[in-house]
Structure formats: structure tokens, C-alpha cells
């Protein structure tokens, strides 16, 4: 796996993707704030990304075990 992929980024959270279900090979990008929803009482959602995606905001996760 390339070291610049989302799974290696400090902003990637390998976690349930905005629902109770966990998406295999996906997680949440915590670089930007959650995306607002059109309904006033709806909660914002974090962008869901694939673990092998990448972007220009990559920062190496130095806390990874």
C-alpha cells in the first residue's frame, strides 16, 4: 500500500462511516468539518473515503501502530 493513501493519513478514521454499519475498506476523512445537511434538524456527515484513496491534504499518521 502506498504511504500517501488515506489509510496512512492522520486525518483518516477507520470507523463506522456515518452509520452504525462499518464499511470494509472505507473510513471517515477528518480533515474538513462535517458536511451540512439540507434539513435543519439533520446532523452533519463526515466525508466517507476509501482506504486506498488519496488527496492533497495528506499528513502521515505518526501515531499508527
C-alpha atoms as a PDB file:
ATOM      1  CA  UNK A   1       0.000   0.000   0.000  1.00  0.00           C
ATOM      2  CA  UNK A   2       1.317   3.447  -0.889  1.00  0.00           C
ATOM      3  CA  UNK A   3       2.234   5.580   2.094  1.00  0.00           C
ATOM      4  CA  UNK A   4       0.206   8.508   0.708  1.00  0.00           C
ATOM      5  CA  UNK A   5      -3.143   6.690   0.774  1.00  0.00           C
ATOM      6  CA  UNK A   6      -5.940   7.694   3.130  1.00  0.00           C
ATOM      7  CA  UNK A   7      -5.393   4.693   5.409  1.00  0.00           C
ATOM      8  CA  UNK A   8      -1.910   6.081   6.223  1.00  0.00           C
ATOM      9  CA  UNK A   9      -3.144   9.641   6.838  1.00  0.00           C
ATOM     10  CA  UNK A  10      -3.532  11.219  10.267  1.00  0.00           C
ATOM     11  CA  UNK A  11      -6.964  12.570   9.215  1.00  0.00           C
ATOM     12  CA  UNK A  12      -8.376   9.101   8.330  1.00  0.00           C
ATOM     13  CA  UNK A  13     -10.607   7.364  10.857  1.00  0.00           C
ATOM     14  CA  UNK A  14     -11.184   3.681  10.203  1.00  0.00           C
ATOM     15  CA  UNK A  15     -14.596   3.665  11.841  1.00  0.00           C
ATOM     16  CA  UNK A  16     -18.306   3.233  11.187  1.00  0.00           C
ATOM     17  CA  UNK A  17     -18.961   5.517   8.233  1.00  0.00           C
ATOM     18  CA  UNK A  18     -21.655   7.920   9.498  1.00  0.00           C
ATOM     19  CA  UNK A  19     -23.960   4.994  10.334  1.00  0.00           C
ATOM     20  CA  UNK A  20     -23.956   2.009  12.644  1.00  0.00           C
ATOM     21  CA  UNK A  21     -22.517  -0.121   9.839  1.00  0.00           C
ATOM     22  CA  UNK A  22     -18.790  -0.369   9.174  1.00  0.00           C
ATOM     23  CA  UNK A  23     -17.823  -0.169   5.518  1.00  0.00           C
ATOM     24  CA  UNK A  24     -14.966  -2.511   4.634  1.00  0.00           C
ATOM     25  CA  UNK A  25     -12.030  -0.640   3.121  1.00  0.00           C
ATOM     26  CA  UNK A  26     -13.532   2.754   3.957  1.00  0.00           C
ATOM     27  CA  UNK A  27     -13.413   5.331   6.702  1.00  0.00           C
ATOM     28  CA  UNK A  28     -14.049   8.961   7.523  1.00  0.00           C
ATOM     29  CA  UNK A  29     -11.893  11.910   6.474  1.00  0.00           C
ATOM     30  CA  UNK A  30     -11.488  14.287   9.401  1.00  0.00           C
ATOM     31  CA  UNK A  31      -9.544  16.997   7.532  1.00  0.00           C
ATOM     32  CA  UNK A  32     -12.584  19.214   6.923  1.00  0.00           C
ATOM     33  CA  UNK A  33     -15.644  19.691   9.156  1.00  0.00           C
ATOM     34  CA  UNK A  34     -18.738  17.550   8.568  1.00  0.00           C
ATOM     35  CA  UNK A  35     -20.853  18.374   5.539  1.00  0.00           C
ATOM     36  CA  UNK A  36     -24.093  20.151   6.434  1.00  0.00           C
ATOM     37  CA  UNK A  37     -27.388  18.536   5.614  1.00  0.00           C
ATOM     38  CA  UNK A  38     -30.348  20.318   3.977  1.00  0.00           C
ATOM     39  CA  UNK A  39     -32.686  19.657   6.924  1.00  0.00           C
ATOM     40  CA  UNK A  40     -32.211  21.935   9.937  1.00  0.00           C
ATOM     41  CA  UNK A  41     -32.527  19.056  12.409  1.00  0.00           C
ATOM     42  CA  UNK A  42     -30.238  16.659  10.495  1.00  0.00           C
ATOM     43  CA  UNK A  43     -26.697  16.168  11.691  1.00  0.00           C
ATOM     44  CA  UNK A  44     -23.668  16.816   9.528  1.00  0.00           C
ATOM     45  CA  UNK A  45     -21.822  13.919   7.934  1.00  0.00           C
ATOM     46  CA  UNK A  46     -18.079  13.363   7.590  1.00  0.00           C
ATOM     47  CA  UNK A  47     -16.857  12.596   4.063  1.00  0.00           C
ATOM     48  CA  UNK A  48     -16.538   8.845   3.522  1.00  0.00           C
ATOM     49  CA  UNK A  49     -13.340   7.842   1.721  1.00  0.00           C
ATOM     50  CA  UNK A  50     -11.851   4.538   0.640  1.00  0.00           C
ATOM     51  CA  UNK A  51      -8.713   3.486   2.484  1.00  0.00           C
ATOM     52  CA  UNK A  52      -6.757   3.473  -0.802  1.00  0.00           C
ATOM     53  CA  UNK A  53      -7.969   6.951  -1.888  1.00  0.00           C
ATOM     54  CA  UNK A  54      -5.664   9.956  -1.636  1.00  0.00           C
ATOM     55  CA  UNK A  55      -5.812  13.759  -1.739  1.00  0.00           C
ATOM     56  CA  UNK A  56      -3.589  16.823  -1.438  1.00  0.00           C
ATOM     57  CA  UNK A  57      -4.156  17.179   2.327  1.00  0.00           C
ATOM     58  CA  UNK A  58      -2.249  14.004   3.248  1.00  0.00           C
ATOM     59  CA  UNK A  59      -0.289  14.078   6.503  1.00  0.00           C
ATOM     60  CA  UNK A  60       1.480  10.922   7.583  1.00  0.00           C
ATOM     61  CA  UNK A  61      -0.089   9.302  10.633  1.00  0.00           C
ATOM     62  CA  UNK A  62       2.783   9.191  13.101  1.00  0.00           C
ATOM     63  CA  UNK A  63       0.523   7.641  15.788  1.00  0.00           C
ATOM     64  CA  UNK A  64      -0.222   4.482  13.775  1.00  0.00           C
ATOM     65  CA  UNK A  65       0.881   1.263  15.367  1.00  0.00           C
END
